Amino acid sequence: EDELQDCLLVVLANKQDIEGSMTPSEVAKHLGLHNLKNRRYQIFKTSAIKGYGLNEAMEWIHAEINK
């Protein structure tokens, strides 16, 4: 969508603690992210149970907003 052009897109690929979970590149392919033009996005491997990936996502958002 043109009106979302300047919005950040953050994808949290959760359940990365489970064997066989999708990789970030598989998630990008399934979501069609390679088709996005001039759009800032990032995929983060996360596990809510083990508690990783969320801080990194928030740090990326903060850094991107402050650019």
PDB file of N, CA and C in Angstrom:
ATOM      1  N   GLU A   1       0.822  -1.180   0.000  1.00  0.00           N
ATOM      2  CA  GLU A   1       0.000   0.000   0.000  1.00  0.00           C
ATOM      3  C   GLU A   1       0.868   1.246   0.000  1.00  0.00           C
ATOM      4  N   ASP A   2       0.545   2.193  -0.855  1.00  0.00           N
ATOM      5  CA  ASP A   2       1.321   3.423  -0.945  1.00  0.00           C
ATOM      6  C   ASP A   2       1.309   4.213   0.352  1.00  0.00           C
ATOM      7  N   GLU A   3       0.178   4.222   1.050  1.00  0.00           N
ATOM      8  CA  GLU A   3       0.094   5.012   2.276  1.00  0.00           C
ATOM      9  C   GLU A   3       0.937   4.433   3.414  1.00  0.00           C
ATOM     10  N   LEU A   4       1.388   3.212   3.269  1.00  0.00           N
ATOM     11  CA  LEU A   4       2.243   2.586   4.275  1.00  0.00           C
ATOM     12  C   LEU A   4       3.716   2.623   3.889  1.00  0.00           C
ATOM     13  N   GLN A   5       4.039   3.316   2.824  1.00  0.00           N
ATOM     14  CA  GLN A   5       5.393   3.338   2.270  1.00  0.00           C
ATOM     15  C   GLN A   5       6.464   3.662   3.313  1.00  0.00           C
ATOM     16  N   ASP A   6       6.196   4.607   4.199  1.00  0.00           N
ATOM     17  CA  ASP A   6       7.208   5.033   5.165  1.00  0.00           C
ATOM     18  C   ASP A   6       7.145   4.274   6.487  1.00  0.00           C
ATOM     19  N   CYS A   7       6.260   3.312   6.595  1.00  0.00           N
ATOM     20  CA  CYS A   7       6.126   2.545   7.836  1.00  0.00           C
ATOM     21  C   CYS A   7       7.136   1.402   7.867  1.00  0.00           C
ATOM     22  N   LEU A   8       7.636   1.143   9.055  1.00  0.00           N
ATOM     23  CA  LEU A   8       8.508  -0.009   9.245  1.00  0.00           C
ATOM     24  C   LEU A   8       7.665  -1.278   9.267  1.00  0.00           C
ATOM     25  N   LEU A   9       8.257  -2.356   8.822  1.00  0.00           N
ATOM     26  CA  LEU A   9       7.599  -3.656   8.900  1.00  0.00           C
ATOM     27  C   LEU A   9       8.506  -4.582   9.700  1.00  0.00           C
ATOM     28  N   VAL A  10       7.990  -5.075  10.800  1.00  0.00           N
ATOM     29  CA  VAL A  10       8.739  -5.990  11.656  1.00  0.00           C
ATOM     30  C   VAL A  10       7.975  -7.304  11.703  1.00  0.00           C
ATOM     31  N   VAL A  11       8.681  -8.372  11.396  1.00  0.00           N
ATOM     32  CA  VAL A  11       8.087  -9.705  11.451  1.00  0.00           C
ATOM     33  C   VAL A  11       8.792 -10.470  12.564  1.00  0.00           C
ATOM     34  N   LEU A  12       8.005 -10.952  13.512  1.00  0.00           N
ATOM     35  CA  LEU A  12       8.549 -11.775  14.589  1.00  0.00           C
ATOM     36  C   LEU A  12       8.260 -13.232  14.252  1.00  0.00           C
ATOM     37  N   ALA A  13       9.307 -13.924  13.832  1.00  0.00           N
ATOM     38  CA  ALA A  13       9.183 -15.341  13.484  1.00  0.00           C
ATOM     39  C   ALA A  13       9.310 -16.140  14.775  1.00  0.00           C
ATOM     40  N   ASN A  14       8.189 -16.333  15.441  1.00  0.00           N
ATOM     41  CA  ASN A  14       8.161 -16.952  16.761  1.00  0.00           C
ATOM     42  C   ASN A  14       8.307 -18.471  16.661  1.00  0.00           C
ATOM     43  N   LYS A  15       8.469 -19.069  17.812  1.00  0.00           N
ATOM     44  CA  LYS A  15       8.602 -20.523  17.980  1.00  0.00           C
ATOM     45  C   LYS A  15       9.891 -21.051  17.352  1.00  0.00           C
ATOM     46  N   GLN A  16      10.923 -20.224  17.332  1.00  0.00           N
ATOM     47  CA  GLN A  16      12.197 -20.638  16.771  1.00  0.00           C
ATOM     48  C   GLN A  16      12.909 -21.656  17.650  1.00  0.00           C
ATOM     49  N   ASP A  17      12.374 -21.900  18.841  1.00  0.00           N
ATOM     50  CA  ASP A  17      12.919 -22.924  19.729  1.00  0.00           C
ATOM     51  C   ASP A  17      12.439 -24.323  19.339  1.00  0.00           C
ATOM     52  N   ILE A  18      11.513 -24.393  18.394  1.00  0.00           N
ATOM     53  CA  ILE A  18      10.961 -25.678  17.957  1.00  0.00           C
ATOM     54  C   ILE A  18      11.685 -26.140  16.694  1.00  0.00           C
ATOM     55  N   GLU A  19      12.156 -27.376  16.726  1.00  0.00           N
ATOM     56  CA  GLU A  19      12.849 -27.935  15.566  1.00  0.00           C
ATOM     57  C   GLU A  19      11.911 -27.959  14.364  1.00  0.00           C
ATOM     58  N   GLY A  20      12.431 -27.549  13.225  1.00  0.00           N
ATOM     59  CA  GLY A  20      11.646 -27.541  12.003  1.00  0.00           C
ATOM     60  C   GLY A  20      10.878 -26.259  11.762  1.00  0.00           C
ATOM     61  N   SER A  21      11.067 -25.270  12.635  1.00  0.00           N
ATOM     62  CA  SER A  21      10.380 -23.992  12.414  1.00  0.00           C
ATOM     63  C   SER A  21      10.950 -23.323  11.165  1.00  0.00           C
ATOM     64  N   MET A  22      10.164 -22.459  10.570  1.00  0.00           N
ATOM     65  CA  MET A  22      10.586 -21.783   9.343  1.00  0.00           C
ATOM     66  C   MET A  22      11.758 -20.852   9.616  1.00  0.00           C
ATOM     67  N   THR A  23      12.676 -20.788   8.687  1.00  0.00           N
ATOM     68  CA  THR A  23      13.782 -19.844   8.783  1.00  0.00           C
ATOM     69  C   THR A  23      13.285 -18.460   8.369  1.00  0.00           C
ATOM     70  N   PRO A  24      14.026 -17.413   8.738  1.00  0.00           N
ATOM     71  CA  PRO A  24      13.625 -16.077   8.292  1.00  0.00           C
ATOM     72  C   PRO A  24      13.495 -15.963   6.772  1.00  0.00           C
ATOM     73  N   SER A  25      14.361 -16.614   6.027  1.00  0.00           N
ATOM     74  CA  SER A  25      14.253 -16.532   4.564  1.00  0.00           C
ATOM     75  C   SER A  25      12.999 -17.250   4.061  1.00  0.00           C
ATOM     76  N   GLU A  26      12.607 -18.337   4.709  1.00  0.00           N
ATOM     77  CA  GLU A  26      11.359 -19.017   4.343  1.00  0.00           C
ATOM     78  C   GLU A  26      10.147 -18.141   4.670  1.00  0.00           C
ATOM     79  N   VAL A  27      10.197 -17.472   5.816  1.00  0.00           N
ATOM     80  CA  VAL A  27       9.113 -16.562   6.196  1.00  0.00           C
ATOM     81  C   VAL A  27       8.997 -15.448   5.160  1.00  0.00           C
ATOM     82  N   ALA A  28      10.138 -14.864   4.785  1.00  0.00           N
ATOM     83  CA  ALA A  28      10.141 -13.781   3.790  1.00  0.00           C
ATOM     84  C   ALA A  28       9.539 -14.255   2.474  1.00  0.00           C
ATOM     85  N   LYS A  29       9.903 -15.457   2.063  1.00  0.00           N
ATOM     86  CA  LYS A  29       9.373 -15.996   0.809  1.00  0.00           C
ATOM     87  C   LYS A  29       7.861 -16.191   0.892  1.00  0.00           C
ATOM     88  N   HIS A  30       7.393 -16.789   1.978  1.00  0.00           N
ATOM     89  CA  HIS A  30       5.957 -17.052   2.128  1.00  0.00           C
ATOM     90  C   HIS A  30       5.141 -15.771   2.238  1.00  0.00           C
ATOM     91  N   LEU A  31       5.729 -14.726   2.807  1.00  0.00           N
ATOM     92  CA  LEU A  31       5.025 -13.445   2.931  1.00  0.00           C
ATOM     93  C   LEU A  31       5.202 -12.553   1.704  1.00  0.00           C
ATOM     94  N   GLY A  32       6.074 -12.977   0.785  1.00  0.00           N
ATOM     95  CA  GLY A  32       6.306 -12.181  -0.417  1.00  0.00           C
ATOM     96  C   GLY A  32       7.069 -10.899  -0.149  1.00  0.00           C
ATOM     97  N   LEU A  33       7.905 -10.903   0.883  1.00  0.00           N
ATOM     98  CA  LEU A  33       8.624  -9.683   1.249  1.00  0.00           C
ATOM     99  C   LEU A  33       9.638  -9.259   0.197  1.00  0.00           C
ATOM    100  N   HIS A  34      10.100 -10.199  -0.611  1.00  0.00           N
ATOM    101  CA  HIS A  34      11.050  -9.846  -1.669  1.00  0.00           C
ATOM    102  C   HIS A  34      10.409  -8.932  -2.719  1.00  0.00           C
ATOM    103  N   ASN A  35       9.090  -8.877  -2.736  1.00  0.00           N
ATOM    104  CA  ASN A  35       8.383  -8.005  -3.684  1.00  0.00           C
ATOM    105  C   ASN A  35       8.255  -6.567  -3.201  1.00  0.00           C
ATOM    106  N   LEU A  36       8.582  -6.327  -1.945  1.00  0.00           N
ATOM    107  CA  LEU A  36       8.471  -4.970  -1.404  1.00  0.00           C
ATOM    108  C   LEU A  36       9.568  -4.090  -1.979  1.00  0.00           C
ATOM    109  N   LYS A  37       9.188  -2.927  -2.405  1.00  0.00           N
ATOM    110  CA  LYS A  37      10.151  -1.971  -2.956  1.00  0.00           C
ATOM    111  C   LYS A  37      10.205  -0.760  -2.037  1.00  0.00           C
ATOM    112  N   ASN A  38      11.415  -0.285  -1.781  1.00  0.00           N
ATOM    113  CA  ASN A  38      11.611   0.909  -0.958  1.00  0.00           C
ATOM    114  C   ASN A  38      10.891   0.807   0.380  1.00  0.00           C
ATOM    115  N   ARG A  39      11.006  -0.325   1.013  1.00  0.00           N
ATOM    116  CA  ARG A  39      10.332  -0.559   2.296  1.00  0.00           C
ATOM    117  C   ARG A  39      11.330  -1.128   3.285  1.00  0.00           C
ATOM    118  N   ARG A  40      11.396  -0.538   4.463  1.00  0.00           N
ATOM    119  CA  ARG A  40      12.305  -1.030   5.498  1.00  0.00           C
ATOM    120  C   ARG A  40      11.593  -2.129   6.288  1.00  0.00           C
ATOM    121  N   TYR A  41      12.184  -3.311   6.258  1.00  0.00           N
ATOM    122  CA  TYR A  41      11.622  -4.411   7.036  1.00  0.00           C
ATOM    123  C   TYR A  41      12.736  -5.282   7.576  1.00  0.00           C
ATOM    124  N   GLN A  42      12.403  -6.019   8.604  1.00  0.00           N
ATOM    125  CA  GLN A  42      13.351  -6.938   9.213  1.00  0.00           C
ATOM    126  C   GLN A  42      12.563  -8.094   9.814  1.00  0.00           C
ATOM    127  N   ILE A  43      13.147  -9.273   9.721  1.00  0.00           N
ATOM    128  CA  ILE A  43      12.556 -10.465  10.317  1.00  0.00           C
ATOM    129  C   ILE A  43      13.440 -10.872  11.487  1.00  0.00           C
ATOM    130  N   PHE A  44      12.815 -11.121  12.619  1.00  0.00           N
ATOM    131  CA  PHE A  44      13.554 -11.525  13.805  1.00  0.00           C
ATOM    132  C   PHE A  44      13.123 -12.918  14.230  1.00  0.00           C
ATOM    133  N   LYS A  45      14.130 -13.761  14.466  1.00  0.00           N
ATOM    134  CA  LYS A  45      13.866 -15.082  15.025  1.00  0.00           C
ATOM    135  C   LYS A  45      13.562 -14.877  16.501  1.00  0.00           C
ATOM    136  N   THR A  46      12.394 -15.344  16.950  1.00  0.00           N
ATOM    137  CA  THR A  46      12.018 -15.147  18.342  1.00  0.00           C
ATOM    138  C   THR A  46      11.516 -16.439  18.973  1.00  0.00           C
ATOM    139  N   SER A  47      11.595 -16.441  20.278  1.00  0.00           N
ATOM    140  CA  SER A  47      10.978 -17.495  21.084  1.00  0.00           C
ATOM    141  C   SER A  47      10.429 -16.819  22.329  1.00  0.00           C
ATOM    142  N   ALA A  48       9.131 -16.731  22.412  1.00  0.00           N
ATOM    143  CA  ALA A  48       8.507 -16.109  23.581  1.00  0.00           C
ATOM    144  C   ALA A  48       8.789 -16.928  24.837  1.00  0.00           C
ATOM    145  N   ILE A  49       8.810 -18.240  24.698  1.00  0.00           N
ATOM    146  CA  ILE A  49       9.052 -19.103  25.859  1.00  0.00           C
ATOM    147  C   ILE A  49      10.477 -18.945  26.372  1.00  0.00           C
ATOM    148  N   LYS A  50      11.440 -18.935  25.458  1.00  0.00           N
ATOM    149  CA  LYS A  50      12.840 -18.819  25.874  1.00  0.00           C
ATOM    150  C   LYS A  50      13.282 -17.370  26.010  1.00  0.00           C
ATOM    151  N   GLY A  51      12.473 -16.451  25.511  1.00  0.00           N
ATOM    152  CA  GLY A  51      12.732 -15.034  25.722  1.00  0.00           C
ATOM    153  C   GLY A  51      13.819 -14.430  24.867  1.00  0.00           C
ATOM    154  N   TYR A  52      14.000 -14.905  23.660  1.00  0.00           N
ATOM    155  CA  TYR A  52      14.996 -14.250  22.813  1.00  0.00           C
ATOM    156  C   TYR A  52      14.368 -13.675  21.555  1.00  0.00           C
ATOM    157  N   GLY A  53      15.049 -12.661  21.033  1.00  0.00           N
ATOM    158  CA  GLY A  53      14.632 -12.027  19.794  1.00  0.00           C
ATOM    159  C   GLY A  53      13.792 -10.780  19.971  1.00  0.00           C
ATOM    160  N   LEU A  54      13.054 -10.680  21.050  1.00  0.00           N
ATOM    161  CA  LEU A  54      12.170  -9.531  21.240  1.00  0.00           C
ATOM    162  C   LEU A  54      12.947  -8.246  21.499  1.00  0.00           C
ATOM    163  N   ASN A  55      13.974  -8.323  22.344  1.00  0.00           N
ATOM    164  CA  ASN A  55      14.789  -7.130  22.606  1.00  0.00           C
ATOM    165  C   ASN A  55      15.475  -6.643  21.341  1.00  0.00           C
ATOM    166  N   GLU A  56      15.983  -7.571  20.547  1.00  0.00           N
ATOM    167  CA  GLU A  56      16.639  -7.200  19.301  1.00  0.00           C
ATOM    168  C   GLU A  56      15.667  -6.489  18.367  1.00  0.00           C
ATOM    169  N   ALA A  57      14.445  -6.969  18.314  1.00  0.00           N
ATOM    170  CA  ALA A  57      13.430  -6.336  17.467  1.00  0.00           C
ATOM    171  C   ALA A  57      13.145  -4.918  17.939  1.00  0.00           C
ATOM    172  N   MET A  58      12.998  -4.744  19.230  1.00  0.00           N
ATOM    173  CA  MET A  58      12.727  -3.409  19.773  1.00  0.00           C
ATOM    174  C   MET A  58      13.906  -2.467  19.534  1.00  0.00           C
ATOM    175  N   GLU A  59      15.128  -2.975  19.665  1.00  0.00           N
ATOM    176  CA  GLU A  59      16.316  -2.157  19.404  1.00  0.00           C
ATOM    177  C   GLU A  59      16.369  -1.733  17.941  1.00  0.00           C
ATOM    178  N   TRP A  60      16.015  -2.635  17.030  1.00  0.00           N
ATOM    179  CA  TRP A  60      16.011  -2.301  15.605  1.00  0.00           C
ATOM    180  C   TRP A  60      14.978  -1.227  15.320  1.00  0.00           C
ATOM    181  N   ILE A  61      13.784  -1.386  15.879  1.00  0.00           N
ATOM    182  CA  ILE A  61      12.734  -0.382  15.682  1.00  0.00           C
ATOM    183  C   ILE A  61      13.211   0.975  16.178  1.00  0.00           C
ATOM    184  N   HIS A  62      13.789   1.003  17.361  1.00  0.00           N
ATOM    185  CA  HIS A  62      14.282   2.259  17.936  1.00  0.00           C
ATOM    186  C   HIS A  62      15.330   2.895  17.030  1.00  0.00           C
ATOM    187  N   ALA A  63      16.275   2.098  16.567  1.00  0.00           N
ATOM    188  CA  ALA A  63      17.338   2.616  15.694  1.00  0.00           C
ATOM    189  C   ALA A  63      16.772   3.135  14.378  1.00  0.00           C
ATOM    190  N   GLU A  64      15.823   2.418  13.795  1.00  0.00           N
ATOM    191  CA  GLU A  64      15.241   2.839  12.519  1.00  0.00           C
ATOM    192  C   GLU A  64      14.425   4.118  12.661  1.00  0.00           C
ATOM    193  N   ILE A  65      13.708   4.247  13.752  1.00  0.00           N
ATOM    194  CA  ILE A  65      12.914   5.456  13.976  1.00  0.00           C
ATOM    195  C   ILE A  65      13.813   6.672  14.143  1.00  0.00           C
ATOM    196  N   ASN A  66      14.973   6.463  14.741  1.00  0.00           N
ATOM    197  CA  ASN A  66      15.885   7.573  15.014  1.00  0.00           C
ATOM    198  C   ASN A  66      16.833   7.885  13.863  1.00  0.00           C
ATOM    199  N   LYS A  67      16.667   7.256  12.725  1.00  0.00           N
ATOM    200  CA  LYS A  67      17.512   7.555  11.555  1.00  0.00           C
ATOM    201  C   LYS A  67      17.092   8.861  10.931  1.00  0.00           C
TER     202      LYS A  67
END
